[in-house]
N, C-alpha and C. Protein backbone atom coordinates (compact mmCIF):
# COMPACT_ATOMS: atom_id res chain seq x y z
N MET A 1 0.85 -1.19 0.00
CA MET A 1 0.00 0.00 0.00
C MET A 1 0.88 1.23 0.00
N SER A 2 0.57 2.15 -0.90
CA SER A 2 1.43 3.34 -1.00
C SER A 2 1.22 4.24 0.19
N GLU A 3 2.31 4.97 0.50
CA GLU A 3 2.25 5.88 1.65
C GLU A 3 1.33 7.06 1.32
N PRO A 4 0.64 7.54 2.35
CA PRO A 4 -0.25 8.70 2.10
C PRO A 4 0.54 9.90 1.62
N LEU A 5 -0.09 10.64 0.73
CA LEU A 5 0.58 11.81 0.20
C LEU A 5 0.79 12.83 1.31
N LYS A 6 1.97 13.35 1.34
CA LYS A 6 2.29 14.36 2.33
C LYS A 6 2.11 15.74 1.72
N ASP A 7 1.65 16.62 2.54
CA ASP A 7 1.48 18.00 2.09
C ASP A 7 2.85 18.61 1.87
N LYS A 8 3.15 18.80 0.61
CA LYS A 8 4.49 19.29 0.27
C LYS A 8 4.52 20.80 0.38
N GLN A 9 5.10 21.31 1.40
CA GLN A 9 5.26 22.74 1.60
C GLN A 9 6.74 23.07 1.57
N PRO A 10 7.12 24.15 0.90
CA PRO A 10 8.52 24.52 0.88
C PRO A 10 9.00 24.90 2.26
N THR A 11 10.17 24.44 2.55
CA THR A 11 10.78 24.79 3.84
C THR A 11 11.70 25.98 3.64
N HIS A 12 11.75 26.82 4.64
CA HIS A 12 12.54 28.03 4.53
C HIS A 12 13.43 28.17 5.75
N ASP A 13 14.65 28.54 5.49
CA ASP A 13 15.59 28.76 6.59
C ASP A 13 15.46 30.17 7.16
N HIS A 14 14.90 31.06 6.34
CA HIS A 14 14.79 32.44 6.80
C HIS A 14 13.83 32.51 7.98
N PRO A 15 14.19 33.27 9.02
CA PRO A 15 13.35 33.29 10.22
C PRO A 15 11.96 33.84 9.99
N ASP A 16 11.78 34.69 9.02
CA ASP A 16 10.46 35.25 8.78
C ASP A 16 9.84 34.58 7.55
N ASP A 17 8.99 33.58 7.78
CA ASP A 17 8.44 32.79 6.68
C ASP A 17 7.56 33.62 5.76
N PHE A 18 6.89 34.62 6.32
CA PHE A 18 5.98 35.42 5.48
C PHE A 18 6.73 36.10 4.36
N TYR A 19 7.84 36.78 4.71
CA TYR A 19 8.61 37.47 3.68
C TYR A 19 9.17 36.47 2.68
N GLN A 20 9.62 35.32 3.15
CA GLN A 20 10.17 34.32 2.24
C GLN A 20 9.11 33.80 1.27
N GLN A 21 7.89 33.60 1.78
CA GLN A 21 6.81 33.12 0.92
C GLN A 21 6.47 34.14 -0.15
N VAL A 22 6.47 35.40 0.25
CA VAL A 22 6.18 36.44 -0.74
C VAL A 22 7.25 36.47 -1.82
N LEU A 23 8.50 36.40 -1.39
CA LEU A 23 9.59 36.47 -2.35
C LEU A 23 9.61 35.24 -3.26
N THR A 24 9.42 34.08 -2.68
CA THR A 24 9.52 32.85 -3.48
C THR A 24 8.30 32.62 -4.35
N SER A 25 7.19 33.31 -4.07
CA SER A 25 6.00 33.13 -4.91
C SER A 25 6.25 33.63 -6.32
N PHE A 26 7.26 34.45 -6.50
CA PHE A 26 7.58 34.96 -7.82
C PHE A 26 8.88 34.35 -8.35
N LYS A 27 9.38 33.34 -7.66
CA LYS A 27 10.65 32.74 -8.07
C LYS A 27 10.62 31.25 -7.77
N ASP A 28 11.19 30.47 -8.66
CA ASP A 28 11.13 29.01 -8.48
C ASP A 28 11.94 28.53 -7.29
N LYS A 29 13.03 29.15 -7.03
CA LYS A 29 13.86 28.71 -5.92
C LYS A 29 13.97 29.81 -4.87
N ASP A 30 14.30 29.38 -3.68
CA ASP A 30 14.39 30.34 -2.59
C ASP A 30 15.52 31.33 -2.82
N TYR A 31 15.31 32.55 -2.29
CA TYR A 31 16.40 33.51 -2.27
C TYR A 31 17.42 33.08 -1.23
N THR A 32 18.64 33.39 -1.49
CA THR A 32 19.67 33.15 -0.48
C THR A 32 19.56 34.23 0.59
N GLU A 33 20.23 34.00 1.71
CA GLU A 33 20.21 34.99 2.78
C GLU A 33 20.76 36.33 2.29
N GLU A 34 21.79 36.28 1.46
CA GLU A 34 22.39 37.51 0.94
C GLU A 34 21.41 38.25 0.03
N GLU A 35 20.68 37.50 -0.81
CA GLU A 35 19.70 38.12 -1.70
C GLU A 35 18.55 38.74 -0.91
N ILE A 36 18.14 38.06 0.15
CA ILE A 36 17.06 38.57 0.98
C ILE A 36 17.46 39.91 1.60
N GLU A 37 18.67 39.99 2.11
CA GLU A 37 19.13 41.22 2.73
C GLU A 37 19.21 42.35 1.71
N GLN A 38 19.65 42.01 0.49
CA GLN A 38 19.72 43.03 -0.56
C GLN A 38 18.33 43.55 -0.91
N LYS A 39 17.35 42.62 -1.02
CA LYS A 39 15.99 43.02 -1.35
C LYS A 39 15.38 43.87 -0.24
N GLN A 40 15.61 43.47 0.99
CA GLN A 40 15.06 44.22 2.11
C GLN A 40 15.63 45.64 2.15
N ALA A 41 16.93 45.75 1.91
CA ALA A 41 17.56 47.08 1.92
C ALA A 41 17.05 47.94 0.78
N ALA A 42 16.84 47.33 -0.40
CA ALA A 42 16.40 48.09 -1.57
C ALA A 42 14.95 48.51 -1.46
N TRP A 43 14.13 47.68 -0.81
CA TRP A 43 12.69 47.94 -0.77
C TRP A 43 12.24 48.68 0.48
N GLN A 44 13.13 48.85 1.42
CA GLN A 44 12.74 49.49 2.68
C GLN A 44 12.25 50.92 2.46
N ARG A 45 12.74 51.57 1.40
CA ARG A 45 12.35 52.96 1.14
C ARG A 45 10.86 53.08 0.84
N PHE A 46 10.23 51.98 0.37
CA PHE A 46 8.81 52.04 0.07
C PHE A 46 7.95 52.07 1.33
N GLU A 47 8.52 51.66 2.46
CA GLU A 47 7.78 51.69 3.72
C GLU A 47 7.80 53.07 4.35
N GLU A 48 8.75 53.92 3.95
CA GLU A 48 8.90 55.22 4.56
C GLU A 48 8.02 56.24 3.84
N PRO A 49 7.43 57.19 4.57
CA PRO A 49 6.62 58.23 3.92
C PRO A 49 7.47 59.09 3.00
N MET A 50 6.88 59.47 1.86
CA MET A 50 7.61 60.28 0.90
C MET A 50 7.79 61.69 1.45
N LYS A 51 9.01 62.20 1.31
CA LYS A 51 9.31 63.54 1.79
C LYS A 51 9.74 64.41 0.62
N LYS A 52 9.25 65.63 0.63
CA LYS A 52 9.67 66.57 -0.39
C LYS A 52 10.97 67.23 0.04
N SER A 53 11.91 67.25 -0.86
CA SER A 53 13.16 67.92 -0.54
C SER A 53 12.98 69.41 -0.75
N VAL A 54 13.34 70.20 0.25
CA VAL A 54 13.22 71.64 0.16
C VAL A 54 14.59 72.21 -0.21
N VAL A 55 14.67 72.78 -1.41
CA VAL A 55 15.94 73.33 -1.89
C VAL A 55 16.19 74.69 -1.27
N ASN A 56 15.18 75.55 -1.27
CA ASN A 56 15.30 76.88 -0.70
C ASN A 56 14.45 76.96 0.56
N ASP A 57 15.11 76.87 1.71
CA ASP A 57 14.40 76.92 2.98
C ASP A 57 14.99 78.04 3.81
N PHE A 58 14.13 78.94 4.30
CA PHE A 58 14.57 80.10 5.05
C PHE A 58 13.86 80.17 6.39
N PRO A 59 14.43 80.88 7.36
CA PRO A 59 13.69 81.15 8.60
C PRO A 59 12.42 81.92 8.29
N THR A 60 11.43 81.82 9.16
CA THR A 60 10.13 82.44 8.91
C THR A 60 10.23 83.92 8.64
N TYR A 61 11.10 84.62 9.37
CA TYR A 61 11.17 86.08 9.23
C TYR A 61 11.82 86.52 7.92
N PHE A 62 12.36 85.60 7.13
CA PHE A 62 12.92 85.95 5.82
C PHE A 62 11.82 86.15 4.78
N TYR A 63 10.65 85.56 5.00
CA TYR A 63 9.59 85.61 4.00
C TYR A 63 8.85 86.95 4.07
N ALA A 64 8.52 87.48 2.89
CA ALA A 64 7.85 88.78 2.80
C ALA A 64 6.39 88.64 3.22
N GLY A 65 5.94 89.54 4.09
CA GLY A 65 4.59 89.48 4.61
C GLY A 65 3.55 90.06 3.67
N PHE A 66 2.33 90.06 4.14
CA PHE A 66 1.19 90.47 3.32
C PHE A 66 1.31 91.90 2.83
N TRP A 67 1.62 92.84 3.72
CA TRP A 67 1.55 94.25 3.36
C TRP A 67 2.64 94.67 2.38
N ILE A 68 3.86 94.19 2.56
CA ILE A 68 4.91 94.57 1.62
C ILE A 68 4.61 94.01 0.23
N ARG A 69 4.02 92.83 0.18
CA ARG A 69 3.64 92.26 -1.11
C ARG A 69 2.45 93.02 -1.70
N PHE A 70 1.57 93.50 -0.83
CA PHE A 70 0.43 94.28 -1.29
C PHE A 70 0.88 95.58 -1.93
N TRP A 71 1.82 96.29 -1.30
CA TRP A 71 2.31 97.56 -1.86
C TRP A 71 3.08 97.32 -3.15
N ALA A 72 3.83 96.23 -3.21
CA ALA A 72 4.54 95.89 -4.46
C ALA A 72 3.53 95.61 -5.57
N PHE A 73 2.43 94.94 -5.21
CA PHE A 73 1.39 94.65 -6.19
C PHE A 73 0.75 95.94 -6.72
N LEU A 74 0.54 96.92 -5.86
CA LEU A 74 -0.03 98.20 -6.29
C LEU A 74 0.89 98.90 -7.29
N ILE A 75 2.20 98.86 -7.03
CA ILE A 75 3.16 99.43 -7.99
C ILE A 75 3.06 98.72 -9.32
N ASP A 76 2.96 97.39 -9.28
CA ASP A 76 2.83 96.61 -10.52
C ASP A 76 1.55 96.98 -11.26
N MET A 77 0.47 97.21 -10.53
CA MET A 77 -0.80 97.57 -11.17
C MET A 77 -0.69 98.93 -11.85
N LEU A 78 0.05 99.86 -11.25
CA LEU A 78 0.28 101.16 -11.90
C LEU A 78 1.05 100.98 -13.20
N CYS A 79 2.06 100.10 -13.17
CA CYS A 79 2.84 99.83 -14.39
C CYS A 79 1.96 99.18 -15.46
N ILE A 80 1.15 98.22 -15.05
CA ILE A 80 0.27 97.53 -16.00
C ILE A 80 -0.74 98.50 -16.60
N THR A 81 -1.29 99.39 -15.77
CA THR A 81 -2.25 100.38 -16.25
C THR A 81 -1.60 101.28 -17.30
N ALA A 82 -0.36 101.71 -17.03
CA ALA A 82 0.35 102.57 -17.99
C ALA A 82 0.61 101.83 -19.30
N ILE A 83 1.03 100.58 -19.21
CA ILE A 83 1.29 99.78 -20.41
C ILE A 83 0.01 99.58 -21.21
N THR A 84 -1.08 99.29 -20.50
CA THR A 84 -2.36 99.06 -21.16
C THR A 84 -2.83 100.30 -21.90
N LYS A 85 -2.69 101.46 -21.26
CA LYS A 85 -3.11 102.71 -21.90
C LYS A 85 -2.28 103.00 -23.16
N ILE A 86 -0.98 102.72 -23.08
CA ILE A 86 -0.11 102.98 -24.23
C ILE A 86 -0.41 102.02 -25.37
N LEU A 87 -0.55 100.74 -25.04
CA LEU A 87 -0.72 99.72 -26.08
C LEU A 87 -2.14 99.59 -26.59
N LEU A 88 -3.12 99.80 -25.70
CA LEU A 88 -4.51 99.55 -26.10
C LEU A 88 -5.34 100.82 -26.26
N ASP A 89 -5.35 101.63 -25.21
CA ASP A 89 -6.30 102.75 -25.21
C ASP A 89 -6.10 103.69 -26.39
N VAL A 90 -4.84 104.00 -26.68
CA VAL A 90 -4.57 104.92 -27.79
C VAL A 90 -5.10 104.34 -29.09
N GLY A 91 -4.82 103.08 -29.35
CA GLY A 91 -5.27 102.43 -30.58
C GLY A 91 -6.77 102.30 -30.66
N PHE A 92 -7.40 101.89 -29.54
CA PHE A 92 -8.86 101.72 -29.53
C PHE A 92 -9.58 103.05 -29.75
N ARG A 93 -9.04 104.12 -29.15
CA ARG A 93 -9.68 105.42 -29.33
C ARG A 93 -9.50 105.91 -30.77
N ALA A 94 -8.31 105.66 -31.31
CA ALA A 94 -8.04 106.10 -32.67
C ALA A 94 -8.95 105.38 -33.67
N LEU A 95 -9.25 104.12 -33.39
CA LEU A 95 -10.11 103.34 -34.29
C LEU A 95 -11.57 103.39 -33.87
N ASN A 96 -11.85 104.16 -32.82
CA ASN A 96 -13.21 104.31 -32.33
C ASN A 96 -13.84 102.96 -31.96
N LEU A 97 -13.05 102.12 -31.29
CA LEU A 97 -13.52 100.80 -30.86
C LEU A 97 -13.99 100.86 -29.41
N SER A 98 -14.88 99.97 -29.07
CA SER A 98 -15.42 99.91 -27.71
C SER A 98 -14.36 99.39 -26.74
N MET A 99 -14.23 100.08 -25.60
CA MET A 99 -13.30 99.62 -24.56
C MET A 99 -14.10 99.08 -23.39
N SER A 100 -14.84 98.02 -23.65
CA SER A 100 -15.69 97.41 -22.63
C SER A 100 -14.83 96.72 -21.58
N PRO A 101 -15.12 96.94 -20.28
CA PRO A 101 -14.35 96.28 -19.22
C PRO A 101 -14.71 94.81 -19.03
N GLU A 102 -15.72 94.31 -19.74
CA GLU A 102 -16.12 92.91 -19.61
C GLU A 102 -14.94 92.00 -19.97
N LEU A 103 -14.78 90.94 -19.19
CA LEU A 103 -13.62 90.06 -19.37
C LEU A 103 -13.54 89.47 -20.77
N PHE A 104 -14.69 89.06 -21.33
CA PHE A 104 -14.66 88.35 -22.60
C PHE A 104 -14.93 89.27 -23.80
N SER A 105 -14.79 90.57 -23.58
CA SER A 105 -14.78 91.50 -24.71
C SER A 105 -13.38 91.53 -25.30
N VAL A 106 -13.24 92.09 -26.49
CA VAL A 106 -11.91 92.17 -27.11
C VAL A 106 -10.96 92.97 -26.22
N TYR A 107 -11.43 94.12 -25.76
CA TYR A 107 -10.59 94.95 -24.89
C TYR A 107 -10.27 94.22 -23.58
N GLY A 108 -11.27 93.55 -23.02
CA GLY A 108 -11.05 92.83 -21.76
C GLY A 108 -10.04 91.71 -21.90
N LEU A 109 -10.12 90.95 -22.98
CA LEU A 109 -9.19 89.84 -23.19
C LEU A 109 -7.77 90.35 -23.42
N LEU A 110 -7.63 91.44 -24.18
CA LEU A 110 -6.30 92.01 -24.40
C LEU A 110 -5.74 92.59 -23.11
N SER A 111 -6.58 93.18 -22.29
CA SER A 111 -6.14 93.75 -21.02
C SER A 111 -5.64 92.67 -20.07
N ILE A 112 -6.41 91.58 -19.94
CA ILE A 112 -5.99 90.50 -19.05
C ILE A 112 -4.74 89.82 -19.59
N SER A 113 -4.57 89.80 -20.91
CA SER A 113 -3.36 89.22 -21.50
C SER A 113 -2.12 90.04 -21.12
N ILE A 114 -2.26 91.36 -21.15
CA ILE A 114 -1.15 92.23 -20.75
C ILE A 114 -0.84 92.03 -19.27
N TYR A 115 -1.88 91.95 -18.47
CA TYR A 115 -1.74 91.74 -17.02
C TYR A 115 -0.97 90.45 -16.72
N LEU A 116 -1.39 89.36 -17.34
CA LEU A 116 -0.75 88.06 -17.09
C LEU A 116 0.65 88.01 -17.69
N ALA A 117 0.84 88.58 -18.87
CA ALA A 117 2.15 88.58 -19.51
C ALA A 117 3.16 89.37 -18.69
N TYR A 118 2.73 90.48 -18.11
CA TYR A 118 3.61 91.30 -17.27
C TYR A 118 4.19 90.47 -16.12
N PHE A 119 3.31 89.82 -15.36
CA PHE A 119 3.77 89.04 -14.21
C PHE A 119 4.56 87.81 -14.65
N THR A 120 4.13 87.16 -15.71
CA THR A 120 4.79 85.94 -16.15
C THR A 120 6.20 86.21 -16.67
N LEU A 121 6.33 87.13 -17.59
CA LEU A 121 7.63 87.39 -18.21
C LEU A 121 8.63 87.98 -17.23
N LEU A 122 8.19 88.94 -16.42
CA LEU A 122 9.12 89.54 -15.46
C LEU A 122 9.53 88.54 -14.38
N THR A 123 8.57 87.75 -13.90
CA THR A 123 8.90 86.78 -12.86
C THR A 123 9.91 85.76 -13.36
N LYS A 124 9.75 85.30 -14.59
CA LYS A 124 10.67 84.31 -15.13
C LYS A 124 11.99 84.92 -15.59
N LEU A 125 11.92 85.98 -16.39
CA LEU A 125 13.13 86.54 -17.01
C LEU A 125 13.91 87.45 -16.08
N ASN A 126 13.26 87.96 -15.05
CA ASN A 126 13.94 88.86 -14.11
C ASN A 126 14.16 88.18 -12.76
N ARG A 127 14.26 86.86 -12.79
CA ARG A 127 14.61 86.07 -11.60
C ARG A 127 13.67 86.33 -10.43
N GLY A 128 12.37 86.27 -10.71
CA GLY A 128 11.39 86.34 -9.63
C GLY A 128 10.99 87.72 -9.21
N GLN A 129 11.37 88.74 -9.98
CA GLN A 129 11.05 90.11 -9.58
C GLN A 129 10.30 90.89 -10.65
N THR A 130 9.16 91.41 -10.28
CA THR A 130 8.47 92.40 -11.10
C THR A 130 9.02 93.77 -10.69
N ILE A 131 8.53 94.83 -11.31
CA ILE A 131 9.02 96.17 -10.96
C ILE A 131 8.67 96.50 -9.51
N GLY A 132 7.45 96.15 -9.10
CA GLY A 132 7.06 96.40 -7.71
C GLY A 132 7.92 95.63 -6.73
N LYS A 133 8.22 94.39 -7.03
CA LYS A 133 9.07 93.59 -6.15
C LYS A 133 10.50 94.13 -6.12
N MET A 134 10.99 94.64 -7.24
CA MET A 134 12.33 95.23 -7.25
C MET A 134 12.39 96.45 -6.35
N ILE A 135 11.37 97.30 -6.40
CA ILE A 135 11.34 98.51 -5.58
C ILE A 135 11.34 98.16 -4.09
N PHE A 136 10.59 97.14 -3.71
CA PHE A 136 10.48 96.78 -2.30
C PHE A 136 11.48 95.69 -1.88
N GLY A 137 12.35 95.28 -2.78
CA GLY A 137 13.41 94.34 -2.43
C GLY A 137 12.92 92.96 -2.04
N ILE A 138 11.92 92.45 -2.77
CA ILE A 138 11.42 91.10 -2.52
C ILE A 138 11.50 90.29 -3.81
N ARG A 139 11.41 88.98 -3.67
CA ARG A 139 11.62 88.12 -4.84
C ARG A 139 10.87 86.80 -4.68
N VAL A 140 10.26 86.33 -5.76
CA VAL A 140 9.60 85.02 -5.76
C VAL A 140 10.68 83.94 -5.84
N ILE A 141 10.57 82.93 -4.99
CA ILE A 141 11.51 81.80 -5.03
C ILE A 141 10.72 80.50 -5.05
N GLY A 142 11.31 79.46 -5.63
CA GLY A 142 10.72 78.13 -5.60
C GLY A 142 11.29 77.37 -4.42
N LEU A 143 10.44 76.77 -3.62
CA LEU A 143 10.92 76.02 -2.46
C LEU A 143 11.64 74.75 -2.87
N ASN A 144 11.26 74.18 -4.00
CA ASN A 144 11.85 72.92 -4.46
C ASN A 144 12.63 73.06 -5.75
N GLU A 145 12.91 74.31 -6.13
CA GLU A 145 13.70 74.57 -7.34
C GLU A 145 14.74 75.64 -7.05
N GLU A 146 15.95 75.43 -7.55
CA GLU A 146 16.97 76.46 -7.39
C GLU A 146 16.61 77.70 -8.17
N GLU A 147 16.10 77.52 -9.37
CA GLU A 147 15.61 78.62 -10.20
C GLU A 147 14.20 78.28 -10.66
N LEU A 148 13.35 79.29 -10.74
CA LEU A 148 11.97 79.06 -11.15
C LEU A 148 11.90 78.51 -12.56
N SER A 149 11.18 77.41 -12.74
CA SER A 149 11.00 76.83 -14.08
C SER A 149 9.83 77.51 -14.77
N TRP A 150 9.78 77.36 -16.09
CA TRP A 150 8.66 77.92 -16.84
C TRP A 150 7.34 77.31 -16.38
N GLN A 151 7.35 76.02 -16.08
CA GLN A 151 6.13 75.35 -15.63
C GLN A 151 5.60 76.00 -14.35
N THR A 152 6.49 76.21 -13.39
CA THR A 152 6.09 76.83 -12.13
C THR A 152 5.57 78.23 -12.35
N VAL A 153 6.27 79.01 -13.16
CA VAL A 153 5.87 80.40 -13.41
C VAL A 153 4.53 80.46 -14.12
N LEU A 154 4.33 79.61 -15.12
CA LEU A 154 3.07 79.63 -15.87
C LEU A 154 1.89 79.25 -14.98
N VAL A 155 2.07 78.25 -14.12
CA VAL A 155 0.98 77.87 -13.23
C VAL A 155 0.70 78.97 -12.22
N ARG A 156 1.77 79.52 -11.65
CA ARG A 156 1.60 80.55 -10.60
C ARG A 156 1.07 81.86 -11.17
N GLU A 157 1.69 82.32 -12.26
CA GLU A 157 1.40 83.67 -12.75
C GLU A 157 0.30 83.73 -13.81
N VAL A 158 -0.03 82.61 -14.41
CA VAL A 158 -1.12 82.62 -15.40
C VAL A 158 -2.36 81.96 -14.80
N ALA A 159 -2.27 80.66 -14.53
CA ALA A 159 -3.45 79.93 -14.07
C ALA A 159 -3.95 80.44 -12.72
N CYS A 160 -3.06 80.44 -11.72
CA CYS A 160 -3.49 80.82 -10.37
C CYS A 160 -3.88 82.29 -10.29
N ARG A 161 -3.10 83.14 -10.91
CA ARG A 161 -3.40 84.58 -10.85
C ARG A 161 -4.72 84.89 -11.57
N PHE A 162 -4.95 84.22 -12.68
CA PHE A 162 -6.21 84.43 -13.42
C PHE A 162 -7.40 84.02 -12.56
N VAL A 163 -7.30 82.86 -11.91
CA VAL A 163 -8.41 82.38 -11.08
C VAL A 163 -8.64 83.32 -9.90
N LEU A 164 -7.55 83.73 -9.21
CA LEU A 164 -7.70 84.58 -8.04
C LEU A 164 -8.26 85.96 -8.38
N GLN A 165 -8.03 86.41 -9.62
CA GLN A 165 -8.51 87.72 -10.04
C GLN A 165 -9.88 87.65 -10.72
N ALA A 166 -10.35 86.45 -10.99
CA ALA A 166 -11.58 86.30 -11.77
C ALA A 166 -12.82 86.79 -11.04
N ASN A 167 -12.79 86.72 -9.71
CA ASN A 167 -13.95 87.12 -8.93
C ASN A 167 -13.48 87.75 -7.61
N PRO A 168 -14.04 88.88 -7.21
CA PRO A 168 -13.61 89.52 -5.95
C PRO A 168 -13.68 88.61 -4.74
N PHE A 169 -14.61 87.66 -4.72
CA PHE A 169 -14.72 86.74 -3.59
C PHE A 169 -13.50 85.82 -3.49
N LEU A 170 -12.81 85.62 -4.60
CA LEU A 170 -11.65 84.73 -4.59
C LEU A 170 -10.39 85.43 -4.08
N TYR A 171 -10.49 86.71 -3.80
CA TYR A 171 -9.35 87.43 -3.23
C TYR A 171 -8.93 86.86 -1.88
N VAL A 172 -9.83 86.12 -1.25
CA VAL A 172 -9.49 85.50 0.04
C VAL A 172 -8.33 84.53 -0.12
N GLY A 173 -8.06 84.11 -1.36
CA GLY A 173 -6.92 83.22 -1.60
C GLY A 173 -5.59 83.86 -1.28
N TYR A 174 -5.59 85.20 -1.17
CA TYR A 174 -4.36 85.90 -0.82
C TYR A 174 -4.16 86.03 0.70
N LEU A 175 -5.22 85.84 1.47
CA LEU A 175 -5.16 86.08 2.91
C LEU A 175 -4.19 85.17 3.67
N PRO A 176 -3.99 83.89 3.26
CA PRO A 176 -3.02 83.07 4.00
C PRO A 176 -1.62 83.68 4.07
N THR A 177 -1.32 84.61 3.18
CA THR A 177 -0.02 85.27 3.22
C THR A 177 0.21 85.95 4.56
N ALA A 178 -0.86 86.36 5.21
CA ALA A 178 -0.73 87.13 6.45
C ALA A 178 -0.37 86.27 7.66
N PHE A 179 -0.65 84.95 7.63
CA PHE A 179 -0.46 84.18 8.86
C PHE A 179 0.19 82.81 8.68
N THR A 180 0.51 82.39 7.47
CA THR A 180 1.16 81.09 7.30
C THR A 180 2.66 81.21 7.54
N LYS A 181 3.28 80.09 7.82
CA LYS A 181 4.70 80.08 8.19
C LYS A 181 5.58 80.66 7.11
N ARG A 182 5.35 80.24 5.85
CA ARG A 182 6.18 80.73 4.75
C ARG A 182 5.49 81.84 3.95
N LYS A 183 4.47 82.45 4.53
CA LYS A 183 3.77 83.58 3.91
C LYS A 183 3.31 83.24 2.49
N GLN A 184 2.61 82.12 2.36
CA GLN A 184 2.18 81.65 1.05
C GLN A 184 0.68 81.91 0.84
N HIS A 185 0.32 82.42 -0.34
CA HIS A 185 -1.09 82.48 -0.70
C HIS A 185 -1.46 81.21 -1.45
N ALA A 186 -2.69 81.13 -1.94
CA ALA A 186 -3.17 79.90 -2.57
C ALA A 186 -2.31 79.49 -3.76
N GLY A 187 -1.91 80.46 -4.59
CA GLY A 187 -1.07 80.15 -5.74
C GLY A 187 0.31 79.65 -5.33
N ASP A 188 0.84 80.18 -4.23
CA ASP A 188 2.13 79.71 -3.73
C ASP A 188 2.06 78.26 -3.28
N TYR A 189 0.96 77.91 -2.60
CA TYR A 189 0.80 76.53 -2.14
C TYR A 189 0.76 75.56 -3.31
N LEU A 190 0.07 75.93 -4.36
CA LEU A 190 -0.08 75.04 -5.51
C LEU A 190 1.22 74.86 -6.28
N THR A 191 2.11 75.84 -6.21
CA THR A 191 3.35 75.80 -6.99
C THR A 191 4.60 75.66 -6.14
N ASP A 192 4.44 75.48 -4.82
CA ASP A 192 5.59 75.39 -3.91
C ASP A 192 6.52 76.59 -4.07
N THR A 193 5.95 77.78 -4.00
CA THR A 193 6.73 79.00 -4.09
C THR A 193 6.43 79.89 -2.89
N SER A 194 7.21 80.93 -2.73
CA SER A 194 6.92 81.97 -1.77
C SER A 194 7.69 83.21 -2.19
N VAL A 195 7.69 84.23 -1.33
CA VAL A 195 8.40 85.48 -1.62
C VAL A 195 9.29 85.80 -0.43
N VAL A 196 10.55 86.10 -0.70
CA VAL A 196 11.49 86.41 0.37
C VAL A 196 11.95 87.86 0.28
N THR A 197 12.41 88.38 1.42
CA THR A 197 12.95 89.74 1.49
C THR A 197 14.45 89.68 1.28
N LEU A 198 14.93 90.28 0.23
CA LEU A 198 16.35 90.18 -0.13
C LEU A 198 17.25 90.85 0.90
N ASN A 199 16.79 91.92 1.52
CA ASN A 199 17.62 92.60 2.51
C ASN A 199 17.89 91.72 3.73
N MET A 200 16.93 90.87 4.09
CA MET A 200 17.16 89.94 5.19
C MET A 200 18.24 88.93 4.84
N ILE A 201 18.23 88.47 3.60
CA ILE A 201 19.26 87.52 3.16
C ILE A 201 20.63 88.19 3.14
N LYS A 202 20.67 89.42 2.62
CA LYS A 202 21.95 90.16 2.58
C LYS A 202 22.48 90.41 3.98
N ALA A 203 21.61 90.80 4.90
CA ALA A 203 22.04 91.06 6.27
C ALA A 203 22.56 89.78 6.92
N PHE A 204 21.89 88.66 6.68
CA PHE A 204 22.32 87.40 7.26
C PHE A 204 23.68 86.98 6.69
N ASN A 205 23.86 87.15 5.38
CA ASN A 205 25.12 86.76 4.74
C ASN A 205 26.29 87.58 5.29
N LYS A 206 26.09 88.85 5.53
CA LYS A 206 27.16 89.68 6.10
C LYS A 206 27.44 89.28 7.55
N GLN A 207 26.41 88.86 8.23
CA GLN A 207 26.58 88.48 9.63
C GLN A 207 27.45 87.23 9.76
N VAL A 208 27.34 86.30 8.82
CA VAL A 208 28.08 85.04 8.95
C VAL A 208 29.39 85.04 8.20
N GLN A 209 29.76 86.17 7.56
CA GLN A 209 31.03 86.22 6.85
C GLN A 209 32.18 86.11 7.84
N VAL A 210 33.25 85.41 7.40
CA VAL A 210 34.41 85.24 8.28
C VAL A 210 35.58 86.01 7.71
């Protein structure tokens, strides 16, 4: 009479059978102890929470607050108004065209285009500074980028700025600048950016010079 069939289960020398079973389920033969250690070391990073590396990190008092950014914004609006009058108003009046303030009118679309182009081009090409920011000595920086990329600038200065300006009720998106740690408004949060005071950086650099 033949012997009863025995339940053939793979035997494992590794102390943790669960891990060995998982590993061997995808391989015909067992991993060696050395292979197991290599796999554990390589895969351990998946157990750890993902962390964002902060390239530009400053003390809280280095970040520009709400009011200095507000005054810089007013200077920028004066510049934009002057540019709009030179480029649009003169031509529209000469051609006797309607200068409707409605967003989706011809004049409105050209006006918002000048507004967005001003912030986008100066922020990118002038290393984070519009004319207002230059006057007040502040600068847009990327928290996770050494230099602002076009992608970051376009999202911050076109998409986010357009949305925040689209309706007066959305202006509340700027209020977090007054009380958050890195003085970030809604657009800053979405693009991992903020604004720093250059004089604070200069003062700190002189303080630590040897």
